[in-house]
């Protein structure tokens, strides 16, 4: 599937109604993101609907499908309409009959809110894989009454805002993405089995999106150091770029509604969870599937 549009962030996006297909797409910000109203994700799409949804996905980068109630099996079936699922790491594979569905939760072993919230650092999913994830699909199962937002940073816009000379400097640089080092930075020591399951991988710092041909920054918490540069110097450069790329002008904040299913493009976005709710009082439980991508270019 190939996206037919790319949204120019300087042009105010318009709503689109697909009358023949029974749904509409309404932009949620001028930068990116749109809600999709009128589709039932528990039912399979015909070819025309699947192509239209994928086109909207490439155009808006984040889609919020409203008013959904999916079982794990239905979420897997919906996801697989857009490509093969990407396996999760050993530590976050599903524990039941659905290993490809990772439960993102702040509940402890007793089912009580723990006060802890993961994924608070800016990242793109599975960037440490040789073929990083194309998309993530996240279904809100239990949400706090407010807060617990998911934030997205637009790496197209961040790259295009850099001076031409800096873009030229960054083109051609490669960055090592490391699941091991990113977990170590959060105070976690990984087992030898986990290390073998997710070895370090090198990617371009500026990647070309396979559908749009546009360039974007590719980094996040898994981006550990730049090849051919002293580690500390390379790390500082990555942190500088991340600070630039996650300015509010490049960010969309999704405020969850009950029944939301989010689908976003890992190839051109960073994302993180916002702990703007009482995580020791309220549950935040979401089911996550990831779609396998292609090697970076």
C-alpha atoms as a PDB file:
ATOM      1  CA  UNK A   1       0.000   0.000   0.000  1.00  0.00           C
ATOM      2  CA  UNK A   2       1.167   3.458  -0.829  1.00  0.00           C
ATOM      3  CA  UNK A   3      -0.017   6.737   0.676  1.00  0.00           C
ATOM      4  CA  UNK A   4      -1.320   9.119  -1.962  1.00  0.00           C
ATOM      5  CA  UNK A   5      -1.012  12.332   0.034  1.00  0.00           C
ATOM      6  CA  UNK A   6       1.402  14.130   2.314  1.00  0.00           C
ATOM      7  CA  UNK A   7       0.026  16.872   4.509  1.00  0.00           C
ATOM      8  CA  UNK A   8       1.828  20.199   4.256  1.00  0.00           C
ATOM      9  CA  UNK A   9       2.048  21.441   7.841  1.00  0.00           C
ATOM     10  CA  UNK A  10       1.757  25.034   6.627  1.00  0.00           C
ATOM     11  CA  UNK A  11      -1.688  24.393   5.101  1.00  0.00           C
ATOM     12  CA  UNK A  12      -4.749  24.015   7.293  1.00  0.00           C
ATOM     13  CA  UNK A  13      -6.034  20.449   6.775  1.00  0.00           C
ATOM     14  CA  UNK A  14      -9.663  19.838   5.859  1.00  0.00           C
ATOM     15  CA  UNK A  15     -12.139  17.145   6.873  1.00  0.00           C
ATOM     16  CA  UNK A  16     -12.758  14.398   4.354  1.00  0.00           C
ATOM     17  CA  UNK A  17     -15.964  12.402   4.025  1.00  0.00           C
ATOM     18  CA  UNK A  18     -15.778   9.021   2.291  1.00  0.00           C
ATOM     19  CA  UNK A  19     -19.504   8.764   1.585  1.00  0.00           C
ATOM     20  CA  UNK A  20     -19.295   5.517  -0.380  1.00  0.00           C
ATOM     21  CA  UNK A  21     -17.227   3.913   2.389  1.00  0.00           C
ATOM     22  CA  UNK A  22     -19.295   5.192   5.317  1.00  0.00           C
ATOM     23  CA  UNK A  23     -16.725   7.121   7.320  1.00  0.00           C
ATOM     24  CA  UNK A  24     -15.135  10.540   7.698  1.00  0.00           C
ATOM     25  CA  UNK A  25     -11.690  11.832   8.657  1.00  0.00           C
ATOM     26  CA  UNK A  26     -11.499  15.014  10.720  1.00  0.00           C
ATOM     27  CA  UNK A  27      -8.129  16.691  11.470  1.00  0.00           C
ATOM     28  CA  UNK A  28      -7.307  17.094  15.162  1.00  0.00           C
ATOM     29  CA  UNK A  29      -4.589  19.714  14.708  1.00  0.00           C
ATOM     30  CA  UNK A  30      -2.952  21.729  11.950  1.00  0.00           C
ATOM     31  CA  UNK A  31       0.295  19.814  12.448  1.00  0.00           C
ATOM     32  CA  UNK A  32      -0.891  16.198  12.316  1.00  0.00           C
ATOM     33  CA  UNK A  33      -3.453  13.684  13.624  1.00  0.00           C
ATOM     34  CA  UNK A  34      -7.053  13.047  12.617  1.00  0.00           C
ATOM     35  CA  UNK A  35     -10.048  11.237  14.042  1.00  0.00           C
ATOM     36  CA  UNK A  36     -11.806   8.558  12.024  1.00  0.00           C
ATOM     37  CA  UNK A  37     -15.545   8.337  12.644  1.00  0.00           C
ATOM     38  CA  UNK A  38     -17.965   5.744  11.334  1.00  0.00           C
ATOM     39  CA  UNK A  39     -15.828   2.605  11.054  1.00  0.00           C
ATOM     40  CA  UNK A  40     -16.205  -0.577  13.076  1.00  0.00           C
ATOM     41  CA  UNK A  41     -12.704  -2.028  13.454  1.00  0.00           C
ATOM     42  CA  UNK A  42     -14.082  -5.371  14.616  1.00  0.00           C
ATOM     43  CA  UNK A  43     -15.206  -6.012  11.027  1.00  0.00           C
ATOM     44  CA  UNK A  44     -12.781  -6.649   8.133  1.00  0.00           C
ATOM     45  CA  UNK A  45     -12.269  -3.858   5.586  1.00  0.00           C
ATOM     46  CA  UNK A  46     -12.843  -4.200   1.884  1.00  0.00           C
ATOM     47  CA  UNK A  47      -9.941  -3.184  -0.352  1.00  0.00           C
ATOM     48  CA  UNK A  48     -11.206   0.358  -0.953  1.00  0.00           C
ATOM     49  CA  UNK A  49     -11.662   1.052   2.766  1.00  0.00           C
ATOM     50  CA  UNK A  50      -8.262  -0.370   3.640  1.00  0.00           C
ATOM     51  CA  UNK A  51      -6.564   1.776   0.992  1.00  0.00           C
ATOM     52  CA  UNK A  52      -8.410   4.913   2.131  1.00  0.00           C
ATOM     53  CA  UNK A  53      -7.507   4.319   5.773  1.00  0.00           C
ATOM     54  CA  UNK A  54      -3.865   3.709   4.909  1.00  0.00           C
ATOM     55  CA  UNK A  55      -3.783   6.871   2.818  1.00  0.00           C
ATOM     56  CA  UNK A  56      -5.154   8.842   5.782  1.00  0.00           C
ATOM     57  CA  UNK A  57      -2.574   7.183   8.042  1.00  0.00           C
ATOM     58  CA  UNK A  58       0.305   8.305   5.817  1.00  0.00           C
ATOM     59  CA  UNK A  59      -1.199  11.778   5.433  1.00  0.00           C
ATOM     60  CA  UNK A  60      -1.956  12.522   9.103  1.00  0.00           C
ATOM     61  CA  UNK A  61       0.602  10.216  10.812  1.00  0.00           C
ATOM     62  CA  UNK A  62      -1.777   9.619  13.780  1.00  0.00           C
ATOM     63  CA  UNK A  63      -5.315   8.252  13.416  1.00  0.00           C
ATOM     64  CA  UNK A  64      -7.787   8.079  16.306  1.00  0.00           C
ATOM     65  CA  UNK A  65     -10.579   5.620  15.550  1.00  0.00           C
ATOM     66  CA  UNK A  66     -13.501   6.558  17.787  1.00  0.00           C
ATOM     67  CA  UNK A  67     -16.010   4.370  19.630  1.00  0.00           C
ATOM     68  CA  UNK A  68     -14.313   0.971  19.357  1.00  0.00           C
ATOM     69  CA  UNK A  69     -14.601  -2.091  21.574  1.00  0.00           C
ATOM     70  CA  UNK A  70     -12.109  -4.707  20.428  1.00  0.00           C
ATOM     71  CA  UNK A  71     -11.103  -8.047  21.841  1.00  0.00           C
ATOM     72  CA  UNK A  72      -7.438  -8.968  21.514  1.00  0.00           C
ATOM     73  CA  UNK A  73      -8.298 -11.265  18.605  1.00  0.00           C
ATOM     74  CA  UNK A  74     -10.141  -8.450  16.838  1.00  0.00           C
ATOM     75  CA  UNK A  75      -7.246  -6.030  17.380  1.00  0.00           C
ATOM     76  CA  UNK A  76      -4.835  -8.552  15.880  1.00  0.00           C
ATOM     77  CA  UNK A  77      -7.137  -9.073  12.876  1.00  0.00           C
ATOM     78  CA  UNK A  78      -7.508  -5.316  12.329  1.00  0.00           C
ATOM     79  CA  UNK A  79      -3.755  -4.770  12.585  1.00  0.00           C
ATOM     80  CA  UNK A  80      -2.854  -7.570  10.173  1.00  0.00           C
ATOM     81  CA  UNK A  81      -4.875  -5.939   7.401  1.00  0.00           C
ATOM     82  CA  UNK A  82      -1.952  -3.492   7.065  1.00  0.00           C
ATOM     83  CA  UNK A  83       0.953  -5.934   7.284  1.00  0.00           C
ATOM     84  CA  UNK A  84       2.623  -8.570   9.462  1.00  0.00           C
ATOM     85  CA  UNK A  85       2.824  -8.027  13.199  1.00  0.00           C
ATOM     86  CA  UNK A  86       6.166  -7.258  14.808  1.00  0.00           C
ATOM     87  CA  UNK A  87       7.142  -9.423  17.747  1.00  0.00           C
ATOM     88  CA  UNK A  88       7.666  -7.740  21.092  1.00  0.00           C
ATOM     89  CA  UNK A  89      10.790  -8.078  23.221  1.00  0.00           C
ATOM     90  CA  UNK A  90      10.949 -10.919  25.718  1.00  0.00           C
ATOM     91  CA  UNK A  91       9.961  -8.644  28.597  1.00  0.00           C
ATOM     92  CA  UNK A  92       6.731  -7.338  27.071  1.00  0.00           C
ATOM     93  CA  UNK A  93       5.247 -10.127  25.017  1.00  0.00           C
ATOM     94  CA  UNK A  94       1.651 -11.020  25.753  1.00  0.00           C
ATOM     95  CA  UNK A  95       1.377 -13.689  28.420  1.00  0.00           C
ATOM     96  CA  UNK A  96      -1.826 -15.361  27.171  1.00  0.00           C
ATOM     97  CA  UNK A  97      -2.839 -16.785  23.810  1.00  0.00           C
ATOM     98  CA  UNK A  98      -1.962 -13.470  22.141  1.00  0.00           C
ATOM     99  CA  UNK A  99       1.809 -12.963  22.460  1.00  0.00           C
ATOM    100  CA  UNK A 100       1.681 -10.195  19.819  1.00  0.00           C
ATOM    101  CA  UNK A 101      -0.589  -8.095  22.060  1.00  0.00           C
ATOM    102  CA  UNK A 102       1.387  -6.260  24.703  1.00  0.00           C
ATOM    103  CA  UNK A 103      -0.699  -4.981  27.619  1.00  0.00           C
ATOM    104  CA  UNK A 104       0.492  -1.495  28.570  1.00  0.00           C
ATOM    105  CA  UNK A 105      -0.569  -1.091  32.178  1.00  0.00           C
ATOM    106  CA  UNK A 106       0.153   0.766  35.412  1.00  0.00           C
ATOM    107  CA  UNK A 107      -1.412  -2.041  37.477  1.00  0.00           C
ATOM    108  CA  UNK A 108       0.672  -4.167  39.814  1.00  0.00           C
ATOM    109  CA  UNK A 109       0.447  -7.967  40.204  1.00  0.00           C
ATOM    110  CA  UNK A 110      -2.641  -7.541  42.399  1.00  0.00           C
ATOM    111  CA  UNK A 111      -4.442  -5.466  39.764  1.00  0.00           C
ATOM    112  CA  UNK A 112      -4.063  -2.234  41.736  1.00  0.00           C
ATOM    113  CA  UNK A 113      -2.689   1.036  40.293  1.00  0.00           C
ATOM    114  CA  UNK A 114       1.010   1.072  41.108  1.00  0.00           C
ATOM    115  CA  UNK A 115       1.742   4.778  40.807  1.00  0.00           C
ATOM    116  CA  UNK A 116       4.234   4.020  38.028  1.00  0.00           C
ATOM    117  CA  UNK A 117       3.866   4.818  34.340  1.00  0.00           C
ATOM    118  CA  UNK A 118       6.151   3.493  31.612  1.00  0.00           C
ATOM    119  CA  UNK A 119       7.081   4.872  28.178  1.00  0.00           C
ATOM    120  CA  UNK A 120       7.550   8.420  29.463  1.00  0.00           C
ATOM    121  CA  UNK A 121      10.684   8.983  27.368  1.00  0.00           C
ATOM    122  CA  UNK A 122      10.452  10.067  23.736  1.00  0.00           C
ATOM    123  CA  UNK A 123      10.907   7.057  21.463  1.00  0.00           C
ATOM    124  CA  UNK A 124       9.800   5.263  18.305  1.00  0.00           C
ATOM    125  CA  UNK A 125       8.790   1.641  18.727  1.00  0.00           C
ATOM    126  CA  UNK A 126      11.201  -1.146  17.811  1.00  0.00           C
ATOM    127  CA  UNK A 127      13.833   1.232  16.403  1.00  0.00           C
ATOM    128  CA  UNK A 128      16.472  -1.253  17.579  1.00  0.00           C
ATOM    129  CA  UNK A 129      15.219  -3.813  15.037  1.00  0.00           C
ATOM    130  CA  UNK A 130      16.870  -4.035  11.574  1.00  0.00           C
ATOM    131  CA  UNK A 131      13.411  -3.289  10.104  1.00  0.00           C
ATOM    132  CA  UNK A 132      11.879  -0.908  12.677  1.00  0.00           C
ATOM    133  CA  UNK A 133       8.152  -0.903  13.297  1.00  0.00           C
ATOM    134  CA  UNK A 134       5.951   0.711  10.660  1.00  0.00           C
ATOM    135  CA  UNK A 135       3.004   1.407  12.931  1.00  0.00           C
ATOM    136  CA  UNK A 136       1.719   0.974  16.452  1.00  0.00           C
ATOM    137  CA  UNK A 137      -1.937   0.347  17.265  1.00  0.00           C
ATOM    138  CA  UNK A 138      -2.974   1.153  20.849  1.00  0.00           C
ATOM    139  CA  UNK A 139      -6.472   0.424  22.176  1.00  0.00           C
ATOM    140  CA  UNK A 140      -7.632   2.105  25.366  1.00  0.00           C
ATOM    141  CA  UNK A 141      -9.148  -0.577  27.622  1.00  0.00           C
ATOM    142  CA  UNK A 142      -9.269   1.281  30.945  1.00  0.00           C
ATOM    143  CA  UNK A 143      -8.442   4.980  31.164  1.00  0.00           C
ATOM    144  CA  UNK A 144      -8.215   7.609  33.903  1.00  0.00           C
ATOM    145  CA  UNK A 145     -11.050  10.171  33.934  1.00  0.00           C
ATOM    146  CA  UNK A 146      -8.585  12.716  32.544  1.00  0.00           C
ATOM    147  CA  UNK A 147      -4.890  12.816  31.709  1.00  0.00           C
ATOM    148  CA  UNK A 148      -2.665   9.921  30.736  1.00  0.00           C
ATOM    149  CA  UNK A 149      -2.204  11.594  27.347  1.00  0.00           C
ATOM    150  CA  UNK A 150      -0.034  10.204  24.571  1.00  0.00           C
ATOM    151  CA  UNK A 151       2.182  12.851  22.951  1.00  0.00           C
ATOM    152  CA  UNK A 152       3.614  12.770  19.435  1.00  0.00           C
ATOM    153  CA  UNK A 153       6.488  14.758  17.930  1.00  0.00           C
ATOM    154  CA  UNK A 154       6.596  15.241  14.148  1.00  0.00           C
ATOM    155  CA  UNK A 155      10.053  14.334  12.842  1.00  0.00           C
ATOM    156  CA  UNK A 156       9.296  15.615   9.332  1.00  0.00           C
ATOM    157  CA  UNK A 157       8.586  19.075  10.718  1.00  0.00           C
ATOM    158  CA  UNK A 158      11.562  18.969  13.071  1.00  0.00           C
ATOM    159  CA  UNK A 159      13.970  18.077  10.255  1.00  0.00           C
ATOM    160  CA  UNK A 160      12.518  20.597   7.814  1.00  0.00           C
ATOM    161  CA  UNK A 161      12.825  23.380  10.406  1.00  0.00           C
ATOM    162  CA  UNK A 162      16.609  22.923  10.623  1.00  0.00           C
ATOM    163  CA  UNK A 163      18.855  25.251   8.590  1.00  0.00           C
ATOM    164  CA  UNK A 164      19.942  23.838   5.246  1.00  0.00           C
ATOM    165  CA  UNK A 165      23.549  23.623   6.418  1.00  0.00           C
ATOM    166  CA  UNK A 166      22.578  21.565   9.458  1.00  0.00           C
ATOM    167  CA  UNK A 167      20.406  19.256   7.346  1.00  0.00           C
ATOM    168  CA  UNK A 168      23.400  18.660   5.063  1.00  0.00           C
ATOM    169  CA  UNK A 169      25.608  17.973   8.104  1.00  0.00           C
ATOM    170  CA  UNK A 170      23.196  15.363   9.469  1.00  0.00           C
ATOM    171  CA  UNK A 171      22.510  13.585   6.180  1.00  0.00           C
ATOM    172  CA  UNK A 172      24.736  10.538   5.999  1.00  0.00           C
ATOM    173  CA  UNK A 173      25.276  10.190   9.760  1.00  0.00           C
ATOM    174  CA  UNK A 174      24.320   6.875  11.306  1.00  0.00           C
ATOM    175  CA  UNK A 175      23.062   6.245  14.814  1.00  0.00           C
ATOM    176  CA  UNK A 176      23.201   3.035  16.843  1.00  0.00           C
ATOM    177  CA  UNK A 177      19.856   2.111  18.399  1.00  0.00           C
ATOM    178  CA  UNK A 178      20.256  -0.077  21.474  1.00  0.00           C
ATOM    179  CA  UNK A 179      17.489  -1.670  23.546  1.00  0.00           C
ATOM    180  CA  UNK A 180      20.123  -2.735  26.076  1.00  0.00           C
ATOM    181  CA  UNK A 181      21.541   0.758  26.597  1.00  0.00           C
ATOM    182  CA  UNK A 182      18.139   2.456  26.649  1.00  0.00           C
ATOM    183  CA  UNK A 183      17.009   0.076  29.420  1.00  0.00           C
ATOM    184  CA  UNK A 184      20.281   0.645  31.275  1.00  0.00           C
ATOM    185  CA  UNK A 185      19.630   4.390  31.162  1.00  0.00           C
ATOM    186  CA  UNK A 186      16.371   3.668  33.004  1.00  0.00           C
ATOM    187  CA  UNK A 187      18.175   1.600  35.640  1.00  0.00           C
ATOM    188  CA  UNK A 188      17.358  -1.864  34.307  1.00  0.00           C
ATOM    189  CA  UNK A 189      19.871  -4.661  33.716  1.00  0.00           C
ATOM    190  CA  UNK A 190      18.912  -7.070  30.953  1.00  0.00           C
ATOM    191  CA  UNK A 191      19.510 -10.798  30.871  1.00  0.00           C
ATOM    192  CA  UNK A 192      21.787 -12.418  28.307  1.00  0.00           C
ATOM    193  CA  UNK A 193      18.726 -13.924  26.613  1.00  0.00           C
ATOM    194  CA  UNK A 194      17.149 -10.471  26.262  1.00  0.00           C
ATOM    195  CA  UNK A 195      20.384  -9.091  24.825  1.00  0.00           C
ATOM    196  CA  UNK A 196      20.508 -11.839  22.209  1.00  0.00           C
ATOM    197  CA  UNK A 197      16.861 -11.197  21.355  1.00  0.00           C
ATOM    198  CA  UNK A 198      17.434  -7.480  20.668  1.00  0.00           C
ATOM    199  CA  UNK A 199      21.002  -6.741  19.483  1.00  0.00           C
ATOM    200  CA  UNK A 200      22.150  -3.208  18.650  1.00  0.00           C
ATOM    201  CA  UNK A 201      21.295  -1.919  15.170  1.00  0.00           C
ATOM    202  CA  UNK A 202      22.580   1.005  13.098  1.00  0.00           C
ATOM    203  CA  UNK A 203      20.199   3.313  11.196  1.00  0.00           C
ATOM    204  CA  UNK A 204      20.499   6.619   9.343  1.00  0.00           C
ATOM    205  CA  UNK A 205      19.974   9.599  11.636  1.00  0.00           C
ATOM    206  CA  UNK A 206      17.970  11.134   8.793  1.00  0.00           C
ATOM    207  CA  UNK A 207      15.779   8.489   7.183  1.00  0.00           C
ATOM    208  CA  UNK A 208      13.695   8.674   4.031  1.00  0.00           C
ATOM    209  CA  UNK A 209      10.079   7.676   4.563  1.00  0.00           C
ATOM    210  CA  UNK A 210       9.333   4.729   2.242  1.00  0.00           C
ATOM    211  CA  UNK A 211       5.844   5.976   1.298  1.00  0.00           C
ATOM    212  CA  UNK A 212       6.310   9.728   0.975  1.00  0.00           C
ATOM    213  CA  UNK A 213       9.996  10.088   0.060  1.00  0.00           C
ATOM    214  CA  UNK A 214      10.283  12.868   2.646  1.00  0.00           C
ATOM    215  CA  UNK A 215      13.217  13.037   5.040  1.00  0.00           C
ATOM    216  CA  UNK A 216      12.785  12.968   8.801  1.00  0.00           C
ATOM    217  CA  UNK A 217      14.861  12.552  11.938  1.00  0.00           C
ATOM    218  CA  UNK A 218      15.026   9.032  13.373  1.00  0.00           C
ATOM    219  CA  UNK A 219      16.081   8.884  17.007  1.00  0.00           C
ATOM    220  CA  UNK A 220      14.504   8.689  20.493  1.00  0.00           C
ATOM    221  CA  UNK A 221      15.564   6.983  23.722  1.00  0.00           C
ATOM    222  CA  UNK A 222      16.905   3.900  21.892  1.00  0.00           C
ATOM    223  CA  UNK A 223      19.293   6.090  19.845  1.00  0.00           C
ATOM    224  CA  UNK A 224      22.467   5.666  21.856  1.00  0.00           C
ATOM    225  CA  UNK A 225      25.408   7.149  19.955  1.00  0.00           C
ATOM    226  CA  UNK A 226      26.569   8.267  16.514  1.00  0.00           C
ATOM    227  CA  UNK A 227      28.895   6.050  14.509  1.00  0.00           C
ATOM    228  CA  UNK A 228      32.352   7.486  13.842  1.00  0.00           C
ATOM    229  CA  UNK A 229      32.115  10.026  16.659  1.00  0.00           C
ATOM    230  CA  UNK A 230      33.241   9.902  20.303  1.00  0.00           C
ATOM    231  CA  UNK A 231      30.361   8.474  22.333  1.00  0.00           C
ATOM    232  CA  UNK A 232      29.886  11.483  24.610  1.00  0.00           C
ATOM    233  CA  UNK A 233      30.024  13.921  21.707  1.00  0.00           C
ATOM    234  CA  UNK A 234      27.561  11.851  19.692  1.00  0.00           C
ATOM    235  CA  UNK A 235      25.248  11.430  22.658  1.00  0.00           C
ATOM    236  CA  UNK A 236      25.223  15.173  23.272  1.00  0.00           C
ATOM    237  CA  UNK A 237      24.360  15.780  19.622  1.00  0.00           C
ATOM    238  CA  UNK A 238      21.430  13.362  19.806  1.00  0.00           C
ATOM    239  CA  UNK A 239      20.129  15.034  22.965  1.00  0.00           C
ATOM    240  CA  UNK A 240      20.418  18.439  21.335  1.00  0.00           C
ATOM    241  CA  UNK A 241      18.421  17.250  18.336  1.00  0.00           C
ATOM    242  CA  UNK A 242      15.783  15.642  20.542  1.00  0.00           C
ATOM    243  CA  UNK A 243      15.348  18.879  22.488  1.00  0.00           C
ATOM    244  CA  UNK A 244      14.813  20.657  19.174  1.00  0.00           C
ATOM    245  CA  UNK A 245      12.457  18.011  17.773  1.00  0.00           C
ATOM    246  CA  UNK A 246      10.184  17.833  20.828  1.00  0.00           C
ATOM    247  CA  UNK A 247       9.432  21.529  21.105  1.00  0.00           C
ATOM    248  CA  UNK A 248       5.718  22.226  21.541  1.00  0.00           C
ATOM    249  CA  UNK A 249       5.448  23.547  17.977  1.00  0.00           C
ATOM    250  CA  UNK A 250       6.208  20.037  16.693  1.00  0.00           C
ATOM    251  CA  UNK A 251       3.996  18.154  19.193  1.00  0.00           C
ATOM    252  CA  UNK A 252       0.421  16.874  19.134  1.00  0.00           C
ATOM    253  CA  UNK A 253      -1.068  15.751  22.450  1.00  0.00           C
ATOM    254  CA  UNK A 254      -3.771  13.093  22.258  1.00  0.00           C
ATOM    255  CA  UNK A 255      -6.343  13.266  25.022  1.00  0.00           C
ATOM    256  CA  UNK A 256      -7.868   9.821  25.201  1.00  0.00           C
ATOM    257  CA  UNK A 257     -11.591   9.142  24.984  1.00  0.00           C
ATOM    258  CA  UNK A 258     -13.216   5.837  25.978  1.00  0.00           C
ATOM    259  CA  UNK A 259     -13.233   3.553  22.940  1.00  0.00           C
ATOM    260  CA  UNK A 260     -10.274   5.186  21.189  1.00  0.00           C
ATOM    261  CA  UNK A 261      -7.922   3.123  19.048  1.00  0.00           C
ATOM    262  CA  UNK A 262      -4.796   5.010  18.005  1.00  0.00           C
ATOM    263  CA  UNK A 263      -2.708   4.054  14.984  1.00  0.00           C
ATOM    264  CA  UNK A 264       0.488   6.006  14.373  1.00  0.00           C
ATOM    265  CA  UNK A 265       3.443   6.048  12.009  1.00  0.00           C
ATOM    266  CA  UNK A 266       6.641   5.109  13.832  1.00  0.00           C
ATOM    267  CA  UNK A 267       8.678   6.011  10.754  1.00  0.00           C
ATOM    268  CA  UNK A 268       8.183   9.768  11.158  1.00  0.00           C
ATOM    269  CA  UNK A 269       7.133  10.286  14.793  1.00  0.00           C
ATOM    270  CA  UNK A 270       8.413  10.087  18.335  1.00  0.00           C
ATOM    271  CA  UNK A 271       5.906   9.462  21.104  1.00  0.00           C
ATOM    272  CA  UNK A 272       5.689   9.242  24.884  1.00  0.00           C
ATOM    273  CA  UNK A 273       3.127   8.866  27.659  1.00  0.00           C
ATOM    274  CA  UNK A 274       2.356  11.828  29.907  1.00  0.00           C
ATOM    275  CA  UNK A 275       1.989  11.104  33.630  1.00  0.00           C
ATOM    276  CA  UNK A 276      -0.556  13.935  34.008  1.00  0.00           C
ATOM    277  CA  UNK A 277      -2.900  11.897  36.189  1.00  0.00           C
ATOM    278  CA  UNK A 278      -2.808  10.157  39.576  1.00  0.00           C
ATOM    279  CA  UNK A 279      -1.251   6.834  38.563  1.00  0.00           C
ATOM    280  CA  UNK A 280      -1.562   5.517  42.138  1.00  0.00           C
ATOM    281  CA  UNK A 281      -5.331   6.006  42.047  1.00  0.00           C
ATOM    282  CA  UNK A 282      -6.494   5.440  38.491  1.00  0.00           C
ATOM    283  CA  UNK A 283      -5.878   2.554  36.099  1.00  0.00           C
ATOM    284  CA  UNK A 284      -4.443   3.118  32.625  1.00  0.00           C
ATOM    285  CA  UNK A 285      -4.573  -0.096  30.595  1.00  0.00           C
ATOM    286  CA  UNK A 286      -4.121  -0.312  26.832  1.00  0.00           C
ATOM    287  CA  UNK A 287      -3.555  -3.157  24.373  1.00  0.00           C
ATOM    288  CA  UNK A 288      -0.694  -2.644  21.919  1.00  0.00           C
ATOM    289  CA  UNK A 289       0.139  -4.264  18.598  1.00  0.00           C
ATOM    290  CA  UNK A 290       2.995  -3.247  16.286  1.00  0.00           C
ATOM    291  CA  UNK A 291       3.359  -3.686  12.544  1.00  0.00           C
ATOM    292  CA  UNK A 292       6.696  -4.705  11.072  1.00  0.00           C
ATOM    293  CA  UNK A 293       8.401  -2.114   8.901  1.00  0.00           C
ATOM    294  CA  UNK A 294      11.157  -2.207   6.320  1.00  0.00           C
ATOM    295  CA  UNK A 295      14.905  -1.517   6.603  1.00  0.00           C
ATOM    296  CA  UNK A 296      15.689   2.191   6.876  1.00  0.00           C
ATOM    297  CA  UNK A 297      16.999   4.330   4.043  1.00  0.00           C
END
